[in-house]
Amino acid sequence: MKIATFNINGIKARYETLLRWLDESAPDIALLQEIKSVDENFPRQEIEDKGYNVETHGQKSFNGVAILSKYPLEDVSRGLPGDDTDEQARWIEATVTGDRQALRICGLYLPNGNPVPGPKYDYKLAWMARLKARAEALLAAEMPALMAGDYNIIPQAEDAARPDAWREDALFRPASRAAFREILNLGMTEAFRACTHGPGHYSFWDYQAGAWQRNDGIRIDHFLLTPQCADLLRDCWIESEMRGREKPSDHVPVWVDLDA
């Protein structure tokens, strides 16, 4: 089962890019972030015509997440538990049953948190505390599960081409990275680092200042797997060539291949 996470930076702007990618790369499941669309305006029909079941948690002009799956999506849930007042569309989850195994699939778009300090950073850290609580619940269920998406977290210095440029950014602040490590230390596996070590691997390049051409990137799109899911892990990789395509997102897809 091949699963990809992809921050598409707007379904309206990236619709043709998304359709071509679905045809060429053919994920079994795609977790999308920043669809920037309310649910009723998401272009479901052509995606469904390609054999995907579509579930969205949308929001006008901002945020928004979706699951596209060649498998039926069951027990769909929208919104990260823990704060009934949170109106930002950043979390969606569902159960899929593959040829060998059922999985709980969680797609997320973690808050950016800038500027620091300020209410946006406070919201980021509070959201990460709720994410930790959800991870604890997934672990307690002992079902293969993953949490994947745009985490807006640079875990280590090797995950940025120029780490010093990010020292004061919400993506790389010590409190942000510590909150990420707390979730990992519950017993989750960061899939990419389980498969690939060393610097030079990025999933985001800014549109400004020729960042892509200079490979001035950061790695902020991650798969976190429960132990039962990590046992199914075959490979994890970054589809970096997508950044060089026509009308690209500033993110590229990250993939896992699971024996499910």
C-alpha atoms as a PDB file:
ATOM      1  CA  MET A   1       0.000   0.000   0.000  1.00  0.00           C
ATOM      2  CA  LYS A   2       1.580   3.259  -1.162  1.00  0.00           C
ATOM      3  CA  ILE A   3       0.515   6.346   0.779  1.00  0.00           C
ATOM      4  CA  ALA A   4       1.588   9.911   0.008  1.00  0.00           C
ATOM      5  CA  THR A   5       1.250  13.158   1.916  1.00  0.00           C
ATOM      6  CA  PHE A   6       1.194  16.308  -0.231  1.00  0.00           C
ATOM      7  CA  ASN A   7       0.639  19.944   0.721  1.00  0.00           C
ATOM      8  CA  ILE A   8      -0.784  21.164  -2.591  1.00  0.00           C
ATOM      9  CA  ASN A   9      -1.005  24.855  -1.639  1.00  0.00           C
ATOM     10  CA  GLY A  10      -4.484  25.406  -3.039  1.00  0.00           C
ATOM     11  CA  ILE A  11      -6.704  23.000  -4.985  1.00  0.00           C
ATOM     12  CA  LYS A  12      -7.844  25.785  -7.318  1.00  0.00           C
ATOM     13  CA  ALA A  13      -4.285  26.753  -8.236  1.00  0.00           C
ATOM     14  CA  ARG A  14      -2.947  23.201  -8.340  1.00  0.00           C
ATOM     15  CA  TYR A  15      -5.904  21.224  -9.711  1.00  0.00           C
ATOM     16  CA  GLU A  16      -4.294  20.204 -13.017  1.00  0.00           C
ATOM     17  CA  THR A  17      -1.014  19.480 -11.221  1.00  0.00           C
ATOM     18  CA  LEU A  18      -2.866  17.210  -8.797  1.00  0.00           C
ATOM     19  CA  LEU A  19      -4.702  15.322 -11.543  1.00  0.00           C
ATOM     20  CA  ARG A  20      -1.480  14.686 -13.476  1.00  0.00           C
ATOM     21  CA  TRP A  21       0.228  13.519 -10.303  1.00  0.00           C
ATOM     22  CA  LEU A  22      -2.589  11.093  -9.497  1.00  0.00           C
ATOM     23  CA  ASP A  23      -2.298   9.652 -13.022  1.00  0.00           C
ATOM     24  CA  GLU A  24       1.501   9.422 -13.059  1.00  0.00           C
ATOM     25  CA  SER A  25       2.370   8.507  -9.461  1.00  0.00           C
ATOM     26  CA  ALA A  26      -0.887   6.674  -8.649  1.00  0.00           C
ATOM     27  CA  PRO A  27      -0.905   6.668  -4.832  1.00  0.00           C
ATOM     28  CA  ASP A  28      -3.245   4.184  -3.219  1.00  0.00           C
ATOM     29  CA  ILE A  29      -3.961   6.885  -0.635  1.00  0.00           C
ATOM     30  CA  ALA A  30      -3.144  10.592  -0.781  1.00  0.00           C
ATOM     31  CA  LEU A  31      -3.331  12.890   2.223  1.00  0.00           C
ATOM     32  CA  LEU A  32      -3.636  16.502   1.059  1.00  0.00           C
ATOM     33  CA  GLN A  33      -3.058  19.698   3.004  1.00  0.00           C
ATOM     34  CA  GLU A  34      -3.869  23.345   2.302  1.00  0.00           C
ATOM     35  CA  ILE A  35      -6.704  22.564  -0.089  1.00  0.00           C
ATOM     36  CA  LYS A  36      -7.952  26.109   0.705  1.00  0.00           C
ATOM     37  CA  SER A  37     -11.518  25.217  -0.222  1.00  0.00           C
ATOM     38  CA  VAL A  38     -14.822  24.633   1.502  1.00  0.00           C
ATOM     39  CA  ASP A  39     -16.049  21.056   1.191  1.00  0.00           C
ATOM     40  CA  GLU A  40     -18.802  21.797  -1.327  1.00  0.00           C
ATOM     41  CA  ASN A  41     -16.368  23.504  -3.722  1.00  0.00           C
ATOM     42  CA  PHE A  42     -13.756  20.751  -3.706  1.00  0.00           C
ATOM     43  CA  PRO A  43     -13.607  19.204  -7.224  1.00  0.00           C
ATOM     44  CA  ARG A  44     -14.576  15.681  -6.229  1.00  0.00           C
ATOM     45  CA  GLN A  45     -16.021  14.318  -9.449  1.00  0.00           C
ATOM     46  CA  GLU A  46     -12.933  14.031 -11.638  1.00  0.00           C
ATOM     47  CA  ILE A  47     -10.918  12.641  -8.730  1.00  0.00           C
ATOM     48  CA  GLU A  48     -13.644  10.105  -7.996  1.00  0.00           C
ATOM     49  CA  ASP A  49     -13.685   9.224 -11.700  1.00  0.00           C
ATOM     50  CA  LYS A  50     -10.042   8.175 -11.281  1.00  0.00           C
ATOM     51  CA  GLY A  51     -11.104   5.580  -8.731  1.00  0.00           C
ATOM     52  CA  TYR A  52     -10.643   7.498  -5.493  1.00  0.00           C
ATOM     53  CA  ASN A  53     -12.944   7.854  -2.538  1.00  0.00           C
ATOM     54  CA  VAL A  54     -12.773  11.472  -1.378  1.00  0.00           C
ATOM     55  CA  GLU A  55     -13.245  12.914   2.113  1.00  0.00           C
ATOM     56  CA  THR A  56     -12.468  16.541   2.942  1.00  0.00           C
ATOM     57  CA  HIS A  57     -12.353  18.857   5.922  1.00  0.00           C
ATOM     58  CA  GLY A  58     -12.341  22.226   4.221  1.00  0.00           C
ATOM     59  CA  GLN A  59     -12.200  25.892   5.092  1.00  0.00           C
ATOM     60  CA  LYS A  60     -12.634  28.959   2.896  1.00  0.00           C
ATOM     61  CA  SER A  61      -9.317  30.314   1.533  1.00  0.00           C
ATOM     62  CA  PHE A  62      -7.164  28.778   4.282  1.00  0.00           C
ATOM     63  CA  ASN A  63      -6.001  25.411   5.618  1.00  0.00           C
ATOM     64  CA  GLY A  64      -8.134  22.395   4.698  1.00  0.00           C
ATOM     65  CA  VAL A  65      -7.202  18.712   4.525  1.00  0.00           C
ATOM     66  CA  ALA A  66      -8.402  15.759   2.471  1.00  0.00           C
ATOM     67  CA  ILE A  67      -8.028  12.011   2.052  1.00  0.00           C
ATOM     68  CA  LEU A  68      -8.142  10.444  -1.413  1.00  0.00           C
ATOM     69  CA  SER A  69      -8.225   6.651  -1.240  1.00  0.00           C
ATOM     70  CA  LYS A  70      -8.614   3.762  -3.649  1.00  0.00           C
ATOM     71  CA  TYR A  71      -9.854   1.819  -0.620  1.00  0.00           C
ATOM     72  CA  PRO A  72     -13.164   2.560   1.086  1.00  0.00           C
ATOM     73  CA  LEU A  73     -12.896   5.121   3.885  1.00  0.00           C
ATOM     74  CA  GLU A  74     -14.649   4.129   7.091  1.00  0.00           C
ATOM     75  CA  ASP A  75     -15.270   5.875  10.420  1.00  0.00           C
ATOM     76  CA  VAL A  76     -14.201   9.281   9.089  1.00  0.00           C
ATOM     77  CA  SER A  77     -13.493  11.914  11.747  1.00  0.00           C
ATOM     78  CA  ARG A  78     -12.786  15.624  11.235  1.00  0.00           C
ATOM     79  CA  GLY A  79     -11.015  17.971  13.617  1.00  0.00           C
ATOM     80  CA  LEU A  80      -8.276  17.221  16.148  1.00  0.00           C
ATOM     81  CA  PRO A  81      -9.851  16.289  19.498  1.00  0.00           C
ATOM     82  CA  GLY A  82      -9.266  18.410  22.560  1.00  0.00           C
ATOM     83  CA  ASP A  83     -10.661  21.855  21.711  1.00  0.00           C
ATOM     84  CA  ASP A  84     -14.261  22.217  20.582  1.00  0.00           C
ATOM     85  CA  THR A  85     -13.694  25.936  19.882  1.00  0.00           C
ATOM     86  CA  ASP A  86     -10.995  25.314  17.245  1.00  0.00           C
ATOM     87  CA  GLU A  87     -12.504  26.186  13.860  1.00  0.00           C
ATOM     88  CA  GLN A  88      -9.361  25.693  11.769  1.00  0.00           C
ATOM     89  CA  ALA A  89      -9.573  22.733   9.366  1.00  0.00           C
ATOM     90  CA  ARG A  90      -6.307  20.916  10.058  1.00  0.00           C
ATOM     91  CA  TRP A  91      -7.114  17.268  10.850  1.00  0.00           C
ATOM     92  CA  ILE A  92      -8.920  14.361   9.200  1.00  0.00           C
ATOM     93  CA  GLU A  93      -8.737  10.631   9.875  1.00  0.00           C
ATOM     94  CA  ALA A  94     -10.313   7.435   8.620  1.00  0.00           C
ATOM     95  CA  THR A  95      -9.857   3.678   8.662  1.00  0.00           C
ATOM     96  CA  VAL A  96      -8.818   1.852   5.486  1.00  0.00           C
ATOM     97  CA  THR A  97      -8.573  -1.883   4.999  1.00  0.00           C
ATOM     98  CA  GLY A  98      -5.897  -3.073   2.603  1.00  0.00           C
ATOM     99  CA  ASP A  99      -5.275  -6.527   1.223  1.00  0.00           C
ATOM    100  CA  ARG A 100      -3.649  -7.665   4.485  1.00  0.00           C
ATOM    101  CA  GLN A 101      -4.339  -5.130   7.179  1.00  0.00           C
ATOM    102  CA  ALA A 102      -6.647  -2.367   8.432  1.00  0.00           C
ATOM    103  CA  LEU A 103      -4.992   0.983   9.187  1.00  0.00           C
ATOM    104  CA  ARG A 104      -6.010   4.208  10.897  1.00  0.00           C
ATOM    105  CA  ILE A 105      -4.902   7.030   8.581  1.00  0.00           C
ATOM    106  CA  CYS A 106      -4.595  10.548  10.040  1.00  0.00           C
ATOM    107  CA  GLY A 107      -3.862  13.558   7.835  1.00  0.00           C
ATOM    108  CA  LEU A 108      -2.742  16.813   9.428  1.00  0.00           C
ATOM    109  CA  TYR A 109      -1.710  20.369   8.693  1.00  0.00           C
ATOM    110  CA  LEU A 110       0.088  21.586  11.803  1.00  0.00           C
ATOM    111  CA  PRO A 111       0.012  25.349  12.464  1.00  0.00           C
ATOM    112  CA  ASN A 112       2.961  27.389  11.201  1.00  0.00           C
ATOM    113  CA  GLY A 113       3.202  29.435  14.397  1.00  0.00           C
ATOM    114  CA  ASN A 114       4.858  32.600  13.121  1.00  0.00           C
ATOM    115  CA  PRO A 115       5.396  35.292  14.239  1.00  0.00           C
ATOM    116  CA  VAL A 116       7.194  34.302  17.431  1.00  0.00           C
ATOM    117  CA  PRO A 117       6.347  35.170  20.154  1.00  0.00           C
ATOM    118  CA  GLY A 118       2.632  35.680  19.854  1.00  0.00           C
ATOM    119  CA  PRO A 119      -0.801  34.053  19.778  1.00  0.00           C
ATOM    120  CA  LYS A 120      -0.063  32.077  16.612  1.00  0.00           C
ATOM    121  CA  TYR A 121       2.897  30.401  18.284  1.00  0.00           C
ATOM    122  CA  ASP A 122       0.858  29.741  21.414  1.00  0.00           C
ATOM    123  CA  TYR A 123      -1.764  28.090  19.183  1.00  0.00           C
ATOM    124  CA  LYS A 124       0.903  25.936  17.505  1.00  0.00           C
ATOM    125  CA  LEU A 125       2.181  24.592  20.826  1.00  0.00           C
ATOM    126  CA  ALA A 126      -1.328  24.030  22.166  1.00  0.00           C
ATOM    127  CA  TRP A 127      -2.231  22.175  18.968  1.00  0.00           C
ATOM    128  CA  MET A 128       0.855  19.998  19.365  1.00  0.00           C
ATOM    129  CA  ALA A 129      -0.196  19.138  22.920  1.00  0.00           C
ATOM    130  CA  ARG A 130      -3.533  17.948  21.529  1.00  0.00           C
ATOM    131  CA  LEU A 131      -1.647  16.021  18.830  1.00  0.00           C
ATOM    132  CA  LYS A 132       0.366  14.274  21.516  1.00  0.00           C
ATOM    133  CA  ALA A 133      -2.852  13.279  23.279  1.00  0.00           C
ATOM    134  CA  ARG A 134      -4.251  11.885  20.020  1.00  0.00           C
ATOM    135  CA  ALA A 135      -1.020   9.939  19.450  1.00  0.00           C
ATOM    136  CA  GLU A 136      -1.331   8.456  22.946  1.00  0.00           C
ATOM    137  CA  ALA A 137      -4.875   7.316  22.130  1.00  0.00           C
ATOM    138  CA  LEU A 138      -3.771   5.766  18.837  1.00  0.00           C
ATOM    139  CA  LEU A 139      -0.963   3.933  20.607  1.00  0.00           C
ATOM    140  CA  ALA A 140      -3.329   2.674  23.297  1.00  0.00           C
ATOM    141  CA  ALA A 141      -5.625   1.239  20.614  1.00  0.00           C
ATOM    142  CA  GLU A 142      -2.722  -0.953  19.405  1.00  0.00           C
ATOM    143  CA  MET A 143      -3.991  -0.743  15.813  1.00  0.00           C
ATOM    144  CA  PRO A 144      -1.590   0.095  12.970  1.00  0.00           C
ATOM    145  CA  ALA A 145      -1.915   3.863  12.593  1.00  0.00           C
ATOM    146  CA  LEU A 146      -0.043   6.777  11.084  1.00  0.00           C
ATOM    147  CA  MET A 147      -0.131  10.552  11.416  1.00  0.00           C
ATOM    148  CA  ALA A 148       1.119  12.234   8.255  1.00  0.00           C
ATOM    149  CA  GLY A 149       1.172  15.661   6.717  1.00  0.00           C
ATOM    150  CA  ASP A 150       2.773  19.074   6.841  1.00  0.00           C
ATOM    151  CA  TYR A 151       4.061  19.309  10.401  1.00  0.00           C
ATOM    152  CA  ASN A 152       5.715  22.723   9.969  1.00  0.00           C
ATOM    153  CA  ILE A 153       8.548  21.314  12.080  1.00  0.00           C
ATOM    154  CA  ILE A 154      12.221  21.072  11.108  1.00  0.00           C
ATOM    155  CA  PRO A 155      13.239  18.228  13.443  1.00  0.00           C
ATOM    156  CA  GLN A 156      17.022  18.618  13.305  1.00  0.00           C
ATOM    157  CA  ALA A 157      19.652  20.928  11.836  1.00  0.00           C
ATOM    158  CA  GLU A 158      20.365  18.411   9.065  1.00  0.00           C
ATOM    159  CA  ASP A 159      16.777  18.888   7.885  1.00  0.00           C
ATOM    160  CA  ALA A 160      17.547  22.419   6.644  1.00  0.00           C
ATOM    161  CA  ALA A 161      20.043  23.513   4.023  1.00  0.00           C
ATOM    162  CA  ARG A 162      20.786  26.634   6.105  1.00  0.00           C
ATOM    163  CA  PRO A 163      19.760  25.856   9.691  1.00  0.00           C
ATOM    164  CA  ASP A 164      21.086  29.157  11.037  1.00  0.00           C
ATOM    165  CA  ALA A 165      18.535  31.011   8.901  1.00  0.00           C
ATOM    166  CA  TRP A 166      15.729  29.231  10.782  1.00  0.00           C
ATOM    167  CA  ARG A 167      16.953  29.542  14.385  1.00  0.00           C
ATOM    168  CA  GLU A 168      14.288  32.053  15.431  1.00  0.00           C
ATOM    169  CA  ASP A 169      11.524  30.678  13.217  1.00  0.00           C
ATOM    170  CA  ALA A 170       8.543  28.865  14.744  1.00  0.00           C
ATOM    171  CA  LEU A 171       9.402  25.794  12.633  1.00  0.00           C
ATOM    172  CA  PHE A 172      12.794  25.383  14.319  1.00  0.00           C
ATOM    173  CA  ARG A 173      12.399  26.944  17.763  1.00  0.00           C
ATOM    174  CA  PRO A 174      13.505  24.685  20.619  1.00  0.00           C
ATOM    175  CA  ALA A 175       9.973  24.441  22.043  1.00  0.00           C
ATOM    176  CA  SER A 176       8.586  23.340  18.662  1.00  0.00           C
ATOM    177  CA  ARG A 177      11.208  20.668  18.204  1.00  0.00           C
ATOM    178  CA  ALA A 178      10.818  19.498  21.799  1.00  0.00           C
ATOM    179  CA  ALA A 179       7.054  19.082  21.308  1.00  0.00           C
ATOM    180  CA  PHE A 180       7.739  17.004  18.194  1.00  0.00           C
ATOM    181  CA  ARG A 181      10.259  14.842  20.082  1.00  0.00           C
ATOM    182  CA  GLU A 182       7.748  14.298  22.886  1.00  0.00           C
ATOM    183  CA  ILE A 183       5.374  12.738  20.363  1.00  0.00           C
ATOM    184  CA  LEU A 184       8.138  10.600  18.850  1.00  0.00           C
ATOM    185  CA  ASN A 185       9.254   9.486  22.289  1.00  0.00           C
ATOM    186  CA  LEU A 186       5.844   8.000  23.010  1.00  0.00           C
ATOM    187  CA  GLY A 187       6.957   5.179  20.718  1.00  0.00           C
ATOM    188  CA  MET A 188       6.255   6.572  17.251  1.00  0.00           C
ATOM    189  CA  THR A 189       8.609   5.989  14.309  1.00  0.00           C
ATOM    190  CA  GLU A 190       9.523   8.844  11.962  1.00  0.00           C
ATOM    191  CA  ALA A 191       9.360   6.859   8.740  1.00  0.00           C
ATOM    192  CA  PHE A 192      11.776   8.823   6.581  1.00  0.00           C
ATOM    193  CA  ARG A 193      14.572   8.761   9.145  1.00  0.00           C
ATOM    194  CA  ALA A 194      13.965   5.047   9.687  1.00  0.00           C
ATOM    195  CA  CYS A 195      14.907   4.571   6.025  1.00  0.00           C
ATOM    196  CA  THR A 196      17.324   7.419   5.159  1.00  0.00           C
ATOM    197  CA  HIS A 197      20.042   9.169   7.151  1.00  0.00           C
ATOM    198  CA  GLY A 198      22.104  12.278   6.627  1.00  0.00           C
ATOM    199  CA  PRO A 199      21.542  15.835   5.358  1.00  0.00           C
ATOM    200  CA  GLY A 200      20.332  17.114   1.997  1.00  0.00           C
ATOM    201  CA  HIS A 201      16.777  15.705   2.000  1.00  0.00           C
ATOM    202  CA  TYR A 202      14.022  18.313   1.813  1.00  0.00           C
ATOM    203  CA  SER A 203      10.273  18.471   1.156  1.00  0.00           C
ATOM    204  CA  PHE A 204       9.759  22.258   0.921  1.00  0.00           C
ATOM    205  CA  TRP A 205      11.469  25.002  -1.055  1.00  0.00           C
ATOM    206  CA  ASP A 206      10.230  28.584  -0.848  1.00  0.00           C
ATOM    207  CA  TYR A 207       9.066  30.302  -4.031  1.00  0.00           C
ATOM    208  CA  GLN A 208      11.382  33.233  -3.302  1.00  0.00           C
ATOM    209  CA  ALA A 209      15.058  33.822  -4.114  1.00  0.00           C
ATOM    210  CA  GLY A 210      15.576  30.748  -6.270  1.00  0.00           C
ATOM    211  CA  ALA A 211      15.367  28.371  -3.317  1.00  0.00           C
ATOM    212  CA  TRP A 212      14.596  25.356  -5.519  1.00  0.00           C
ATOM    213  CA  GLN A 213      17.401  26.110  -7.962  1.00  0.00           C
ATOM    214  CA  ARG A 214      19.863  26.441  -5.059  1.00  0.00           C
ATOM    215  CA  ASN A 215      18.391  23.448  -3.192  1.00  0.00           C
ATOM    216  CA  ASP A 216      17.790  25.758  -0.235  1.00  0.00           C
ATOM    217  CA  GLY A 217      15.129  23.530   1.301  1.00  0.00           C
ATOM    218  CA  ILE A 218      13.771  22.194   4.564  1.00  0.00           C
ATOM    219  CA  ARG A 219      12.159  18.885   5.527  1.00  0.00           C
ATOM    220  CA  ILE A 220       8.839  19.552   7.268  1.00  0.00           C
ATOM    221  CA  ASP A 221       6.471  16.888   5.855  1.00  0.00           C
ATOM    222  CA  HIS A 222       6.559  13.739   7.951  1.00  0.00           C
ATOM    223  CA  PHE A 223       5.049  10.315   8.574  1.00  0.00           C
ATOM    224  CA  LEU A 224       4.818   9.195  12.207  1.00  0.00           C
ATOM    225  CA  LEU A 225       3.939   5.512  12.634  1.00  0.00           C
ATOM    226  CA  THR A 226       2.738   3.526  15.627  1.00  0.00           C
ATOM    227  CA  PRO A 227       4.830   0.407  16.380  1.00  0.00           C
ATOM    228  CA  GLN A 228       2.240  -1.824  14.712  1.00  0.00           C
ATOM    229  CA  CYS A 229       2.407   0.364  11.586  1.00  0.00           C
ATOM    230  CA  ALA A 230       6.203   0.633  11.689  1.00  0.00           C
ATOM    231  CA  ASP A 231       6.334  -3.165  11.496  1.00  0.00           C
ATOM    232  CA  LEU A 232       4.674  -2.839   8.068  1.00  0.00           C
ATOM    233  CA  LEU A 233       7.111  -0.218   6.730  1.00  0.00           C
ATOM    234  CA  ARG A 234       8.885  -1.158   3.528  1.00  0.00           C
ATOM    235  CA  ASP A 235      10.209   2.234   2.415  1.00  0.00           C
ATOM    236  CA  CYS A 236       9.781   5.987   2.724  1.00  0.00           C
ATOM    237  CA  TRP A 237      10.957   8.550   0.188  1.00  0.00           C
ATOM    238  CA  ILE A 238      10.545  12.132  -1.022  1.00  0.00           C
ATOM    239  CA  GLU A 239       9.293  12.783  -4.578  1.00  0.00           C
ATOM    240  CA  SER A 240      11.474  15.886  -4.915  1.00  0.00           C
ATOM    241  CA  GLU A 241      11.274  16.133  -8.715  1.00  0.00           C
ATOM    242  CA  MET A 242       7.696  17.410  -8.389  1.00  0.00           C
ATOM    243  CA  ARG A 243       9.100  20.788  -7.291  1.00  0.00           C
ATOM    244  CA  GLY A 244      10.575  21.305 -10.754  1.00  0.00           C
ATOM    245  CA  ARG A 245       7.282  20.728 -12.593  1.00  0.00           C
ATOM    246  CA  GLU A 246       5.007  23.357 -14.100  1.00  0.00           C
ATOM    247  CA  LYS A 247       2.942  25.299 -11.498  1.00  0.00           C
ATOM    248  CA  PRO A 248       4.396  23.360  -8.556  1.00  0.00           C
ATOM    249  CA  SER A 249       3.433  23.554  -4.940  1.00  0.00           C
ATOM    250  CA  ASP A 250       6.219  24.762  -2.650  1.00  0.00           C
ATOM    251  CA  HIS A 251       5.965  21.293  -1.058  1.00  0.00           C
ATOM    252  CA  VAL A 252       6.519  17.900  -2.704  1.00  0.00           C
ATOM    253  CA  PRO A 253       4.934  14.539  -1.909  1.00  0.00           C
ATOM    254  CA  VAL A 254       6.449  12.271   0.722  1.00  0.00           C
ATOM    255  CA  TRP A 255       5.620   8.574   0.456  1.00  0.00           C
ATOM    256  CA  VAL A 256       5.517   5.425   2.548  1.00  0.00           C
ATOM    257  CA  ASP A 257       5.127   1.894   1.221  1.00  0.00           C
ATOM    258  CA  LEU A 258       3.484  -0.401   3.763  1.00  0.00           C
ATOM    259  CA  ASP A 259       3.004  -4.149   3.697  1.00  0.00           C
ATOM    260  CA  ALA A 260      -0.729  -3.774   4.161  1.00  0.00           C
END
